Amino acid sequence: MAAFDASRMRAQDRARRAGTRPRSDHTLETALSILRDLARFLTEHRGKDDWALVDVHDVETFLATVPKARKRRLVVLRQFFRFARSKHIVLIDPTRTLIVKEPNGFCGRTLTLDQQRELFRRWTTDEHVHPHEALMGMLALLHGASSAEVRLLQITDTDAAAQTVRLGKRPHPVPLDPASWTVLQRCLAHRKAWPTANPHVMVTKGTKAGRSPASTAYLSHVLDDCGYPPRAIRSTRLLDLVNTMDPKLVAAAFGMDPQATLIYLADHIDPGRLPHQHQ
């Protein structure tokens, strides 16, 4: 382990001198902590005190102790055992045949219908809810808007006559339902209370004197009071759209890159929940 760490530190130093991207100290320390945990596991639970005795079953059992960290741990173990084999410390790399087993289906959080109804009532009927929360929530819940799209939304992106808004890179204006339009008007009324020339719909104390959008940190916490993160709310809408429509049409409507969208769907959408022709 000491020799492995020394080699990685030399590689880090070479990368710094070459101007490339060196591994951070935190990355090196994390790798050592993973190897430390493996060493303790082997001695305490497998009765082995030599790296040469480690087999694939030992590694598989160790990875199963923390399933969520499997991918990160396996990357480090592969690097270590390749190094050990190059130094003739082990004859066979026990990680060579292992793969990262991840679920094929959607692994993110989504909301139930009752939870969606609860949020809809909160944002359309509760006058004590902050207008920014209501706008962010409604656009994510009904229109699949991301935090960035809402953050960058400007006054000129709204069309009062057609009751539409332009969100991010979407190729066409997004028609708003009456409830969403009412929430938007409430947010604009809240904005008028500020003496500001900021062109964005969502204006805060920190941005009212300038022209920059609200900070990403502000957007990341604007839905804290409702109890659900923006990603879960948006994922619920995207999942519903992909399950009921052609994923390519969804990608086109949202202005997404087709290749990136296919990767996203492969990583997040459960093929078993898609219509047969889209699986």
Protein backbone atom coordinates (compact mmCIF):
# COMPACT_ATOMS: atom_id res chain seq x y z
CA MET A 1 0.00 0.00 0.00
CA ALA A 2 2.90 2.35 0.76
CA ALA A 3 4.45 1.63 -2.64
CA PHE A 4 1.08 2.13 -4.35
CA ASP A 5 0.58 5.47 -2.61
CA ALA A 6 4.11 6.58 -3.50
CA SER A 7 3.54 5.79 -7.18
CA ARG A 8 0.30 7.79 -7.22
CA MET A 9 2.00 10.75 -5.54
CA ARG A 10 4.74 10.65 -8.20
CA ALA A 11 2.05 10.61 -10.88
CA GLN A 12 0.38 13.56 -9.18
CA ASP A 13 3.65 15.49 -9.20
CA ARG A 14 4.26 14.68 -12.90
CA ALA A 15 0.76 15.86 -13.79
CA ARG A 16 1.31 19.14 -11.98
CA ARG A 17 4.61 19.77 -13.77
CA ALA A 18 3.05 18.82 -17.12
CA GLY A 19 0.09 21.13 -16.61
CA THR A 20 -2.49 18.36 -16.85
CA ARG A 21 -5.14 17.51 -14.26
CA PRO A 22 -3.49 15.82 -11.25
CA ARG A 23 -5.41 13.75 -8.73
CA SER A 24 -6.34 15.80 -5.68
CA ASP A 25 -4.99 14.99 -2.23
CA HIS A 26 -8.54 14.06 -1.21
CA THR A 27 -8.69 11.48 -4.02
CA LEU A 28 -5.42 9.90 -2.88
CA GLU A 29 -6.59 9.83 0.74
CA THR A 30 -9.92 8.27 -0.22
CA ALA A 31 -8.12 5.50 -2.11
CA LEU A 32 -5.97 4.73 0.93
CA SER A 33 -9.02 4.61 3.20
CA ILE A 34 -10.67 2.10 0.84
CA LEU A 35 -7.56 -0.10 0.84
CA ARG A 36 -7.36 0.19 4.63
CA ASP A 37 -10.97 -1.01 4.90
CA LEU A 38 -10.23 -3.91 2.55
CA ALA A 39 -7.16 -4.92 4.56
CA ARG A 40 -9.14 -4.91 7.80
CA PHE A 41 -11.95 -6.87 6.16
CA LEU A 42 -9.54 -9.52 4.88
CA THR A 43 -7.80 -10.00 8.22
CA GLU A 44 -10.85 -9.81 10.45
CA HIS A 45 -13.48 -11.61 8.36
CA ARG A 46 -11.63 -13.70 5.77
CA GLY A 47 -8.58 -14.82 7.77
CA LYS A 48 -6.11 -13.63 5.12
CA ASP A 49 -2.95 -11.62 5.78
CA ASP A 50 -1.33 -11.66 2.34
CA TRP A 51 -2.46 -9.82 -0.81
CA ALA A 52 -1.50 -12.87 -2.86
CA LEU A 53 -4.26 -14.86 -1.15
CA VAL A 54 -7.05 -12.49 -2.16
CA ASP A 55 -9.51 -13.92 -4.68
CA VAL A 56 -12.52 -12.57 -6.53
CA HIS A 57 -14.94 -13.85 -3.87
CA ASP A 58 -13.15 -11.83 -1.18
CA VAL A 59 -13.40 -8.67 -3.23
CA GLU A 60 -17.03 -9.31 -4.15
CA THR A 61 -17.98 -9.83 -0.51
CA PHE A 62 -16.13 -6.67 0.50
CA LEU A 63 -17.93 -4.62 -2.17
CA ALA A 64 -21.27 -5.99 -1.01
CA THR A 65 -20.77 -4.52 2.47
CA VAL A 66 -21.49 -1.01 1.10
CA PRO A 67 -23.47 -1.44 -2.14
CA LYS A 68 -23.82 2.29 -2.81
CA ALA A 69 -20.04 2.72 -2.82
CA ARG A 70 -19.42 -0.28 -5.09
CA LYS A 71 -18.45 1.70 -8.19
CA ARG A 72 -16.02 4.03 -6.41
CA ARG A 73 -14.47 1.20 -4.39
CA LEU A 74 -14.07 -1.08 -7.41
CA VAL A 75 -12.25 1.63 -9.38
CA VAL A 76 -9.69 1.99 -6.58
CA LEU A 77 -9.28 -1.76 -6.11
CA ARG A 78 -8.69 -2.27 -9.83
CA GLN A 79 -5.96 0.36 -9.78
CA PHE A 80 -4.35 -1.18 -6.72
CA PHE A 81 -4.35 -4.78 -7.93
CA ARG A 82 -3.06 -3.78 -11.38
CA PHE A 83 -0.18 -2.08 -9.60
CA ALA A 84 0.33 -5.10 -7.31
CA ARG A 85 0.42 -7.45 -10.29
CA SER A 86 2.95 -5.25 -12.08
CA LYS A 87 5.18 -5.50 -8.99
CA HIS A 88 4.65 -9.28 -8.80
CA ILE A 89 2.95 -8.98 -5.42
CA VAL A 90 -0.01 -10.94 -6.79
CA LEU A 91 -0.10 -13.34 -9.72
CA ILE A 92 -3.74 -12.82 -10.67
CA ASP A 93 -5.78 -9.64 -10.49
CA PRO A 94 -8.91 -10.60 -8.48
CA THR A 95 -10.84 -7.60 -9.83
CA ARG A 96 -10.31 -8.41 -13.51
CA THR A 97 -13.66 -10.14 -14.04
CA LEU A 98 -15.75 -7.92 -11.78
CA ILE A 99 -18.21 -5.43 -13.23
CA VAL A 100 -20.04 -2.50 -11.75
CA LYS A 101 -23.53 -3.80 -11.14
CA GLU A 102 -25.96 -0.92 -11.14
CA PRO A 103 -29.74 -1.06 -11.46
CA ASN A 104 -31.04 -0.66 -15.00
CA GLY A 105 -34.13 1.21 -13.88
CA PHE A 106 -34.68 4.71 -12.61
CA CYS A 107 -32.68 5.09 -9.43
CA GLY A 108 -33.69 8.62 -8.55
CA ARG A 109 -36.46 9.86 -6.29
CA THR A 110 -39.95 10.57 -7.65
CA LEU A 111 -43.24 11.69 -6.13
CA THR A 112 -46.48 9.77 -5.76
CA LEU A 113 -49.75 11.16 -7.13
CA ASP A 114 -50.86 12.14 -3.63
CA GLN A 115 -47.61 14.01 -3.06
CA GLN A 116 -48.01 15.81 -6.38
CA ARG A 117 -51.58 16.82 -5.49
CA GLU A 118 -50.40 18.06 -2.11
CA LEU A 119 -47.74 20.25 -3.72
CA PHE A 120 -50.14 21.54 -6.37
CA ARG A 121 -52.61 22.65 -3.68
CA ARG A 122 -49.78 24.21 -1.65
CA TRP A 123 -48.51 26.31 -4.55
CA THR A 124 -51.90 27.37 -5.89
CA THR A 125 -53.93 27.99 -2.71
CA ASP A 126 -51.56 28.79 0.16
CA GLU A 127 -50.92 32.53 0.19
CA HIS A 128 -48.17 32.16 2.79
CA VAL A 129 -45.92 30.25 0.37
CA HIS A 130 -43.15 32.41 -1.08
CA PRO A 131 -43.79 33.29 -4.76
CA HIS A 132 -40.34 32.02 -5.76
CA GLU A 133 -41.07 28.61 -4.26
CA ALA A 134 -44.46 28.45 -5.98
CA LEU A 135 -43.01 29.42 -9.38
CA MET A 136 -40.07 27.04 -9.18
CA GLY A 137 -42.30 24.23 -7.97
CA MET A 138 -45.09 24.64 -10.52
CA LEU A 139 -42.75 24.94 -13.49
CA ALA A 140 -40.87 21.82 -12.37
CA LEU A 141 -43.97 19.82 -11.47
CA LEU A 142 -46.06 20.55 -14.58
CA HIS A 143 -43.50 21.62 -17.19
CA GLY A 144 -40.32 19.74 -16.21
CA ALA A 145 -38.36 22.97 -15.79
CA SER A 146 -34.86 22.76 -14.37
CA SER A 147 -33.52 25.13 -11.73
CA ALA A 148 -31.29 26.74 -14.37
CA GLU A 149 -34.25 27.40 -16.69
CA VAL A 150 -36.21 29.11 -13.92
CA ARG A 151 -33.15 30.97 -12.67
CA LEU A 152 -32.45 32.49 -16.11
CA LEU A 153 -36.09 33.25 -16.97
CA GLN A 154 -36.45 36.94 -17.89
CA ILE A 155 -39.41 39.30 -18.24
CA THR A 156 -38.93 39.37 -22.01
CA ASP A 157 -39.34 35.58 -22.08
CA THR A 158 -42.99 35.88 -21.04
CA ASP A 159 -45.84 36.50 -23.48
CA ALA A 160 -48.95 37.79 -21.73
CA ALA A 161 -51.15 37.58 -24.85
CA ALA A 162 -50.35 33.92 -25.53
CA GLN A 163 -49.66 33.05 -21.86
CA THR A 164 -46.38 31.34 -22.75
CA VAL A 165 -42.81 31.47 -21.50
CA ARG A 166 -39.48 30.61 -23.08
CA LEU A 167 -37.48 28.20 -20.95
CA GLY A 168 -33.76 27.67 -21.52
CA LYS A 169 -32.87 26.18 -24.90
CA ARG A 170 -36.31 24.82 -25.69
CA PRO A 171 -37.07 25.50 -29.36
CA HIS A 172 -40.65 26.68 -28.78
CA PRO A 173 -42.45 28.78 -26.16
CA VAL A 174 -44.03 26.72 -23.38
CA PRO A 175 -47.81 27.26 -23.00
CA LEU A 176 -48.75 27.70 -19.36
CA ASP A 177 -51.93 26.34 -17.83
CA PRO A 178 -54.09 28.81 -15.86
CA ALA A 179 -52.67 27.69 -12.51
CA SER A 180 -49.05 28.10 -13.64
CA TRP A 181 -49.81 31.47 -15.24
CA THR A 182 -51.43 32.70 -12.02
CA VAL A 183 -48.36 31.65 -10.03
CA LEU A 184 -46.13 33.47 -12.53
CA GLN A 185 -48.22 36.64 -12.17
CA ARG A 186 -47.90 36.40 -8.41
CA CYS A 187 -44.12 36.16 -8.76
CA LEU A 188 -44.07 39.19 -11.08
CA ALA A 189 -46.18 41.15 -8.58
CA HIS A 190 -43.67 40.24 -5.88
CA ARG A 191 -40.89 41.47 -8.16
CA LYS A 192 -42.61 44.84 -8.66
CA ALA A 193 -42.29 45.51 -4.95
CA TRP A 194 -38.53 45.81 -5.50
CA PRO A 195 -37.23 49.04 -7.07
CA THR A 196 -35.12 47.09 -9.56
CA ALA A 197 -34.06 47.11 -13.19
CA ASN A 198 -33.00 43.47 -13.08
CA PRO A 199 -34.47 41.76 -16.17
CA HIS A 200 -35.04 38.39 -14.47
CA VAL A 201 -38.37 37.18 -13.15
CA MET A 202 -36.86 35.88 -9.93
CA VAL A 203 -35.16 38.78 -8.12
CA THR A 204 -33.62 38.56 -4.64
CA LYS A 205 -32.16 41.04 -2.17
CA GLY A 206 -28.72 40.25 -3.53
CA THR A 207 -29.62 40.79 -7.19
CA LYS A 208 -32.12 43.66 -7.07
CA ALA A 209 -29.35 46.25 -7.51
CA GLY A 210 -27.77 44.53 -10.52
CA ARG A 211 -28.73 42.55 -13.59
CA SER A 212 -27.43 39.08 -12.71
CA PRO A 213 -29.78 36.15 -12.05
CA ALA A 214 -30.38 34.68 -8.61
CA SER A 215 -27.55 32.51 -7.37
CA THR A 216 -27.56 28.76 -7.86
CA ALA A 217 -27.29 28.38 -4.09
CA TYR A 218 -30.54 30.31 -3.67
CA LEU A 219 -32.32 28.14 -6.23
CA SER A 220 -31.05 24.97 -4.57
CA HIS A 221 -32.83 25.92 -1.33
CA VAL A 222 -35.92 27.71 -2.63
CA LEU A 223 -38.00 24.51 -2.29
CA ASP A 224 -36.74 23.53 1.15
CA ASP A 225 -40.01 24.47 2.86
CA CYS A 226 -42.07 22.09 0.72
CA GLY A 227 -39.92 19.13 1.74
CA TYR A 228 -39.02 17.87 -1.73
CA PRO A 229 -35.87 18.62 -3.77
CA PRO A 230 -36.21 20.22 -7.24
CA ARG A 231 -34.59 17.21 -8.92
CA ALA A 232 -37.22 14.79 -7.58
CA ILE A 233 -40.08 17.04 -8.71
CA ARG A 234 -38.64 17.52 -12.20
CA SER A 235 -37.74 13.82 -12.55
CA THR A 236 -41.34 12.91 -11.78
CA ARG A 237 -42.55 14.97 -14.73
CA LEU A 238 -39.84 13.78 -17.11
CA LEU A 239 -40.47 10.16 -16.22
CA ASP A 240 -44.17 10.58 -16.88
CA LEU A 241 -43.52 12.23 -20.26
CA VAL A 242 -41.06 9.55 -21.38
CA ASN A 243 -43.43 6.79 -20.30
CA THR A 244 -46.32 8.22 -22.32
CA MET A 245 -44.51 9.74 -25.33
CA ASP A 246 -41.65 9.04 -27.67
CA PRO A 247 -38.38 9.86 -25.82
CA LYS A 248 -37.06 11.52 -28.99
CA LEU A 249 -40.02 13.90 -29.02
CA VAL A 250 -39.43 14.72 -25.37
CA ALA A 251 -35.77 15.46 -26.11
CA ALA A 252 -36.73 17.73 -29.01
CA ALA A 253 -39.36 19.58 -26.97
CA PHE A 254 -36.92 20.22 -24.13
CA GLY A 255 -34.10 21.28 -26.44
CA MET A 256 -31.86 18.47 -25.25
CA ASP A 257 -28.96 16.98 -27.18
CA PRO A 258 -30.25 13.65 -28.58
CA GLN A 259 -27.13 11.66 -27.69
CA ALA A 260 -26.97 13.10 -24.18
CA THR A 261 -30.67 12.42 -23.75
CA LEU A 262 -30.28 8.77 -24.72
CA ILE A 263 -27.49 8.42 -22.15
CA TYR A 264 -29.67 10.10 -19.54
CA LEU A 265 -32.59 7.80 -20.32
CA ALA A 266 -30.39 4.71 -20.23
CA ASP A 267 -29.10 5.70 -16.80
CA HIS A 268 -32.37 6.89 -15.27
CA ILE A 269 -35.41 5.39 -16.93
CA ASP A 270 -36.66 1.90 -16.19
CA PRO A 271 -37.15 0.09 -19.52
CA GLY A 272 -39.90 -1.95 -17.94
CA ARG A 273 -41.96 1.23 -17.43
CA LEU A 274 -41.64 2.37 -21.05
CA PRO A 275 -44.11 1.52 -23.80
CA HIS A 276 -42.99 -1.59 -25.66
CA GLN A 277 -41.91 0.28 -28.80
CA HIS A 278 -39.49 2.45 -26.78
CA GLN A 279 -37.77 -0.27 -24.76
